[in-house]
């Protein structure tokens, strides 16, 4: 079994790849930013992670989005809709949740097709 882990640590890996499918999670690095700023950071980080695994945003298969307040959903959706190429939006779930750090407004988990080893 060939599982590839990018930047593994004792608690998590930046991405885990198996059978041409990458799994990864993104949170904002600058948590002082508002929802717009945190979503912008997460999507930029996701783009960088996708590039590391030989993929791009058109190959995202599914995303689970965790938000702390549905009042921010319009801000999230505006950026989300603009980020994906036409016709490439993945399946998606959006869940209201209490996140590990109160300064996180949003967290996203991605599953994407990528280059197999």
N, C-alpha and C. Protein backbone atom coordinates (compact mmCIF):
# COMPACT_ATOMS: atom_id res chain seq x y z
N UNK A 1 0.86 -1.17 0.00
CA UNK A 1 0.00 0.00 0.00
C UNK A 1 0.91 1.24 0.00
N UNK A 2 0.66 2.15 -0.94
CA UNK A 2 1.49 3.33 -1.06
C UNK A 2 0.69 4.57 -0.64
N UNK A 3 0.96 5.03 0.58
CA UNK A 3 0.34 6.26 1.10
C UNK A 3 1.44 7.31 1.19
N UNK A 4 1.20 8.46 0.58
CA UNK A 4 2.18 9.55 0.62
C UNK A 4 1.65 10.63 1.56
N UNK A 5 2.51 11.07 2.47
CA UNK A 5 2.14 12.13 3.42
C UNK A 5 3.07 13.33 3.21
N UNK A 6 2.48 14.50 3.08
CA UNK A 6 3.27 15.72 2.90
C UNK A 6 3.39 16.41 4.25
N UNK A 7 4.62 16.66 4.65
CA UNK A 7 4.93 17.32 5.94
C UNK A 7 4.23 16.66 7.12
N UNK A 8 4.45 15.36 7.32
CA UNK A 8 3.80 14.71 8.45
C UNK A 8 4.37 15.20 9.79
N UNK A 9 3.50 15.29 10.76
CA UNK A 9 3.90 15.62 12.13
C UNK A 9 3.23 14.58 13.03
N UNK A 10 3.51 14.61 14.31
CA UNK A 10 2.85 13.63 15.20
C UNK A 10 1.32 13.74 15.20
N UNK A 11 0.78 14.93 14.90
CA UNK A 11 -0.66 15.14 14.99
C UNK A 11 -1.37 15.12 13.64
N UNK A 12 -0.74 15.58 12.57
CA UNK A 12 -1.38 15.61 11.24
C UNK A 12 -0.33 15.75 10.16
N UNK A 13 -0.77 15.54 8.92
CA UNK A 13 0.04 15.80 7.73
C UNK A 13 -0.63 16.93 6.97
N UNK A 14 0.17 17.71 6.23
CA UNK A 14 -0.42 18.78 5.44
C UNK A 14 -1.35 18.22 4.37
N UNK A 15 -1.00 17.07 3.83
CA UNK A 15 -1.87 16.37 2.87
C UNK A 15 -1.53 14.89 2.92
N UNK A 16 -2.53 14.07 2.62
CA UNK A 16 -2.34 12.63 2.55
C UNK A 16 -2.88 12.18 1.19
N UNK A 17 -2.04 11.43 0.45
CA UNK A 17 -2.41 11.00 -0.88
C UNK A 17 -2.44 9.47 -0.95
N UNK A 18 -3.53 8.94 -1.51
CA UNK A 18 -3.65 7.50 -1.70
C UNK A 18 -4.44 7.25 -2.98
N UNK A 19 -3.92 6.39 -3.84
CA UNK A 19 -4.60 6.02 -5.08
C UNK A 19 -5.04 7.22 -5.91
N UNK A 20 -4.19 8.24 -5.99
CA UNK A 20 -4.50 9.41 -6.82
C UNK A 20 -5.54 10.34 -6.24
N UNK A 21 -5.81 10.22 -4.93
CA UNK A 21 -6.76 11.10 -4.25
C UNK A 21 -6.03 11.76 -3.08
N UNK A 22 -6.08 13.08 -3.05
CA UNK A 22 -5.44 13.86 -1.98
C UNK A 22 -6.51 14.34 -0.99
N UNK A 23 -6.17 14.27 0.28
CA UNK A 23 -7.02 14.76 1.36
C UNK A 23 -6.22 15.80 2.14
N UNK A 24 -6.82 16.96 2.38
CA UNK A 24 -6.12 17.98 3.18
C UNK A 24 -7.11 18.96 3.78
N UNK A 25 -6.64 19.67 4.80
CA UNK A 25 -7.46 20.63 5.55
C UNK A 25 -6.74 21.97 5.53
N UNK A 26 -7.51 23.03 5.41
CA UNK A 26 -6.92 24.38 5.44
C UNK A 26 -7.65 25.25 6.46
N UNK A 27 -6.87 26.02 7.20
CA UNK A 27 -7.38 27.05 8.11
C UNK A 27 -6.58 28.31 7.83
N UNK A 28 -7.11 29.44 8.21
CA UNK A 28 -6.40 30.71 7.99
C UNK A 28 -5.18 30.80 8.90
N UNK A 29 -4.11 31.34 8.35
CA UNK A 29 -2.91 31.55 9.18
C UNK A 29 -3.05 32.83 9.99
N UNK A 30 -3.64 33.86 9.39
CA UNK A 30 -3.87 35.11 10.10
C UNK A 30 -5.32 35.12 10.58
N UNK A 31 -5.51 34.69 11.81
CA UNK A 31 -6.87 34.57 12.34
C UNK A 31 -7.44 35.90 12.83
N UNK A 32 -6.65 36.98 12.72
CA UNK A 32 -7.20 38.30 13.05
C UNK A 32 -8.04 38.83 11.89
N UNK A 33 -7.95 38.17 10.73
CA UNK A 33 -8.73 38.60 9.56
C UNK A 33 -10.20 38.29 9.74
N UNK A 34 -11.04 39.07 9.05
CA UNK A 34 -12.47 38.81 9.06
C UNK A 34 -12.77 37.61 8.15
N UNK A 35 -14.05 37.28 7.99
CA UNK A 35 -14.43 36.11 7.20
C UNK A 35 -13.88 36.19 5.78
N UNK A 36 -14.00 37.34 5.15
CA UNK A 36 -13.49 37.52 3.79
C UNK A 36 -12.00 37.19 3.74
N UNK A 37 -11.25 37.73 4.68
CA UNK A 37 -9.81 37.51 4.72
C UNK A 37 -9.45 36.06 5.00
N UNK A 38 -10.19 35.41 5.91
CA UNK A 38 -9.89 34.01 6.22
C UNK A 38 -10.21 33.10 5.04
N UNK A 39 -11.33 33.33 4.36
CA UNK A 39 -11.66 32.51 3.19
C UNK A 39 -10.62 32.72 2.10
N UNK A 40 -10.22 33.96 1.89
CA UNK A 40 -9.20 34.26 0.87
C UNK A 40 -7.90 33.51 1.16
N UNK A 41 -7.48 33.52 2.41
CA UNK A 41 -6.27 32.79 2.81
C UNK A 41 -6.41 31.29 2.56
N UNK A 42 -7.54 30.74 2.98
CA UNK A 42 -7.76 29.30 2.85
C UNK A 42 -7.74 28.87 1.38
N UNK A 43 -8.39 29.63 0.52
CA UNK A 43 -8.41 29.27 -0.89
C UNK A 43 -7.02 29.39 -1.52
N UNK A 44 -6.25 30.40 -1.11
CA UNK A 44 -4.87 30.53 -1.61
C UNK A 44 -4.02 29.36 -1.13
N UNK A 45 -4.17 28.98 0.13
CA UNK A 45 -3.43 27.85 0.68
C UNK A 45 -3.84 26.55 -0.01
N UNK A 46 -5.13 26.40 -0.28
CA UNK A 46 -5.61 25.21 -0.98
C UNK A 46 -4.99 25.13 -2.36
N UNK A 47 -4.91 26.25 -3.04
CA UNK A 47 -4.29 26.28 -4.37
C UNK A 47 -2.83 25.82 -4.29
N UNK A 48 -2.11 26.27 -3.27
CA UNK A 48 -0.71 25.86 -3.09
C UNK A 48 -0.61 24.37 -2.78
N UNK A 49 -1.48 23.86 -1.94
CA UNK A 49 -1.47 22.43 -1.61
C UNK A 49 -1.81 21.61 -2.84
N UNK A 50 -2.80 22.04 -3.60
CA UNK A 50 -3.15 21.32 -4.83
C UNK A 50 -1.96 21.26 -5.78
N UNK A 51 -1.23 22.34 -5.91
CA UNK A 51 -0.04 22.35 -6.77
C UNK A 51 1.01 21.36 -6.27
N UNK A 52 1.19 21.27 -4.95
CA UNK A 52 2.16 20.33 -4.37
C UNK A 52 1.84 18.88 -4.70
N UNK A 53 0.55 18.57 -4.86
CA UNK A 53 0.16 17.19 -5.13
C UNK A 53 -0.13 16.95 -6.61
N UNK A 54 0.22 17.92 -7.45
CA UNK A 54 0.03 17.75 -8.89
C UNK A 54 -1.42 17.87 -9.32
N UNK A 55 -2.13 18.83 -8.72
CA UNK A 55 -3.55 19.00 -9.02
C UNK A 55 -3.86 20.48 -9.14
N UNK A 56 -5.12 20.80 -9.32
CA UNK A 56 -5.58 22.19 -9.34
C UNK A 56 -7.04 22.25 -8.93
N UNK A 57 -7.56 23.44 -8.82
CA UNK A 57 -8.92 23.62 -8.29
C UNK A 57 -10.00 22.95 -9.14
N UNK A 58 -9.74 22.71 -10.41
CA UNK A 58 -10.74 22.03 -11.24
C UNK A 58 -10.84 20.54 -10.91
N UNK A 59 -9.90 20.02 -10.12
CA UNK A 59 -9.90 18.60 -9.76
C UNK A 59 -10.37 18.33 -8.33
N UNK A 60 -10.89 19.36 -7.66
CA UNK A 60 -11.44 19.15 -6.31
C UNK A 60 -12.72 18.34 -6.45
N UNK A 61 -12.79 17.24 -5.71
CA UNK A 61 -13.93 16.34 -5.77
C UNK A 61 -15.01 16.68 -4.76
N UNK A 62 -14.58 17.03 -3.54
CA UNK A 62 -15.54 17.40 -2.51
C UNK A 62 -14.86 18.27 -1.46
N UNK A 63 -15.68 19.04 -0.78
CA UNK A 63 -15.19 19.91 0.29
C UNK A 63 -16.23 19.93 1.40
N UNK A 64 -15.73 19.85 2.63
CA UNK A 64 -16.59 20.09 3.78
C UNK A 64 -16.12 21.40 4.40
N UNK A 65 -17.05 22.30 4.59
CA UNK A 65 -16.74 23.63 5.12
C UNK A 65 -17.39 23.74 6.49
N UNK A 66 -16.58 24.15 7.45
CA UNK A 66 -17.06 24.35 8.82
C UNK A 66 -17.03 25.86 9.08
N UNK A 67 -18.16 26.44 9.41
CA UNK A 67 -18.24 27.86 9.71
C UNK A 67 -18.79 28.03 11.12
N UNK A 68 -18.38 29.11 11.76
CA UNK A 68 -18.84 29.35 13.13
C UNK A 68 -20.15 30.12 13.16
N UNK A 69 -20.50 30.77 12.05
CA UNK A 69 -21.71 31.59 12.03
C UNK A 69 -22.25 31.63 10.60
N UNK A 70 -23.46 31.14 10.40
CA UNK A 70 -24.05 31.15 9.06
C UNK A 70 -24.33 32.57 8.55
N UNK A 71 -24.21 33.57 9.39
CA UNK A 71 -24.34 34.96 8.93
C UNK A 71 -23.24 35.31 7.94
N UNK A 72 -22.13 34.54 7.97
CA UNK A 72 -21.01 34.78 7.06
C UNK A 72 -21.11 34.00 5.75
N UNK A 73 -22.18 33.26 5.58
CA UNK A 73 -22.30 32.37 4.42
C UNK A 73 -22.26 33.11 3.08
N UNK A 74 -22.87 34.27 2.98
CA UNK A 74 -22.87 35.03 1.72
C UNK A 74 -21.44 35.42 1.33
N UNK A 75 -20.63 35.82 2.31
CA UNK A 75 -19.23 36.19 2.04
C UNK A 75 -18.47 34.97 1.54
N UNK A 76 -18.65 33.85 2.21
CA UNK A 76 -18.02 32.61 1.80
C UNK A 76 -18.43 32.22 0.38
N UNK A 77 -19.73 32.21 0.12
CA UNK A 77 -20.24 31.78 -1.18
C UNK A 77 -19.75 32.66 -2.33
N UNK A 78 -19.65 33.95 -2.10
CA UNK A 78 -19.17 34.86 -3.14
C UNK A 78 -17.75 34.49 -3.58
N UNK A 79 -16.88 34.28 -2.61
CA UNK A 79 -15.49 33.91 -2.94
C UNK A 79 -15.40 32.50 -3.50
N UNK A 80 -16.17 31.60 -2.94
CA UNK A 80 -16.20 30.20 -3.38
C UNK A 80 -16.59 30.12 -4.85
N UNK A 81 -17.70 30.79 -5.21
CA UNK A 81 -18.20 30.76 -6.58
C UNK A 81 -17.18 31.33 -7.56
N UNK A 82 -16.46 32.36 -7.16
CA UNK A 82 -15.47 32.98 -8.04
C UNK A 82 -14.20 32.13 -8.17
N UNK A 83 -13.91 31.29 -7.18
CA UNK A 83 -12.66 30.53 -7.15
C UNK A 83 -12.66 29.36 -8.13
N UNK A 84 -13.79 28.71 -8.30
CA UNK A 84 -13.84 27.52 -9.16
C UNK A 84 -14.10 27.91 -10.60
N UNK A 85 -13.41 27.23 -11.53
CA UNK A 85 -13.73 27.45 -12.95
C UNK A 85 -15.18 27.03 -13.22
N UNK A 86 -15.79 27.65 -14.20
CA UNK A 86 -17.18 27.33 -14.57
C UNK A 86 -17.35 25.82 -14.76
N UNK A 87 -18.37 25.28 -14.12
CA UNK A 87 -18.69 23.87 -14.27
C UNK A 87 -17.83 22.91 -13.45
N UNK A 88 -16.97 23.44 -12.56
CA UNK A 88 -16.05 22.58 -11.80
C UNK A 88 -16.32 22.57 -10.30
N UNK A 89 -17.44 23.12 -9.86
CA UNK A 89 -17.71 23.12 -8.41
C UNK A 89 -17.85 21.68 -7.92
N UNK A 90 -17.19 21.35 -6.80
CA UNK A 90 -17.27 19.98 -6.26
C UNK A 90 -18.54 19.78 -5.44
N UNK A 91 -18.75 18.55 -5.00
CA UNK A 91 -19.80 18.34 -4.01
C UNK A 91 -19.33 19.04 -2.73
N UNK A 92 -20.28 19.50 -1.94
CA UNK A 92 -19.91 20.34 -0.81
C UNK A 92 -20.92 20.19 0.31
N UNK A 93 -20.40 20.21 1.54
CA UNK A 93 -21.24 20.30 2.72
C UNK A 93 -20.76 21.51 3.51
N UNK A 94 -21.68 22.22 4.10
CA UNK A 94 -21.33 23.38 4.92
C UNK A 94 -22.01 23.19 6.27
N UNK A 95 -21.21 23.15 7.31
CA UNK A 95 -21.68 22.81 8.65
C UNK A 95 -21.33 23.94 9.61
N UNK A 96 -22.28 24.31 10.45
CA UNK A 96 -22.00 25.26 11.52
C UNK A 96 -21.37 24.48 12.67
N UNK A 97 -20.21 24.96 13.13
CA UNK A 97 -19.48 24.23 14.16
C UNK A 97 -18.68 25.17 15.05
N UNK A 98 -18.39 24.69 16.23
CA UNK A 98 -17.44 25.37 17.10
C UNK A 98 -16.07 24.81 16.73
N UNK A 99 -15.15 25.69 16.33
CA UNK A 99 -13.83 25.24 15.89
C UNK A 99 -12.85 25.25 17.05
N UNK A 100 -11.71 24.60 16.86
CA UNK A 100 -10.73 24.39 17.93
C UNK A 100 -10.21 25.68 18.54
N UNK A 101 -10.11 26.73 17.74
CA UNK A 101 -9.63 28.03 18.21
C UNK A 101 -10.76 29.03 17.96
N UNK A 102 -11.17 29.80 18.95
CA UNK A 102 -12.29 30.74 18.77
C UNK A 102 -12.02 31.81 17.71
N UNK A 103 -10.76 32.02 17.33
CA UNK A 103 -10.48 33.02 16.31
C UNK A 103 -10.66 32.47 14.89
N UNK A 104 -10.80 31.16 14.75
CA UNK A 104 -11.11 30.58 13.44
C UNK A 104 -12.58 30.86 13.13
N UNK A 105 -12.82 31.40 11.95
CA UNK A 105 -14.19 31.63 11.50
C UNK A 105 -14.63 30.55 10.52
N UNK A 106 -13.66 29.88 9.90
CA UNK A 106 -13.95 28.89 8.87
C UNK A 106 -12.79 27.91 8.76
N UNK A 107 -13.10 26.67 8.44
CA UNK A 107 -12.12 25.62 8.21
C UNK A 107 -12.66 24.78 7.06
N UNK A 108 -11.78 24.33 6.18
CA UNK A 108 -12.24 23.55 5.03
C UNK A 108 -11.41 22.28 4.86
N UNK A 109 -12.10 21.17 4.60
CA UNK A 109 -11.43 19.93 4.24
C UNK A 109 -11.68 19.67 2.76
N UNK A 110 -10.62 19.30 2.06
CA UNK A 110 -10.69 19.09 0.61
C UNK A 110 -10.33 17.65 0.26
N UNK A 111 -10.96 17.14 -0.76
CA UNK A 111 -10.62 15.86 -1.38
C UNK A 111 -10.46 16.18 -2.85
N UNK A 112 -9.31 15.81 -3.43
CA UNK A 112 -9.05 16.16 -4.84
C UNK A 112 -8.34 15.03 -5.56
N UNK A 113 -8.65 14.90 -6.84
CA UNK A 113 -7.91 13.99 -7.69
C UNK A 113 -6.53 14.60 -7.92
N UNK A 114 -5.49 13.76 -7.93
CA UNK A 114 -4.14 14.28 -8.11
C UNK A 114 -3.29 13.26 -8.88
N UNK A 115 -2.07 13.63 -9.15
CA UNK A 115 -1.16 12.76 -9.88
C UNK A 115 -0.79 11.57 -8.99
N UNK A 116 -1.00 10.35 -9.48
CA UNK A 116 -0.60 9.19 -8.69
C UNK A 116 0.92 9.10 -8.65
N UNK A 117 1.42 8.42 -7.66
CA UNK A 117 2.87 8.23 -7.52
C UNK A 117 3.42 7.42 -8.65
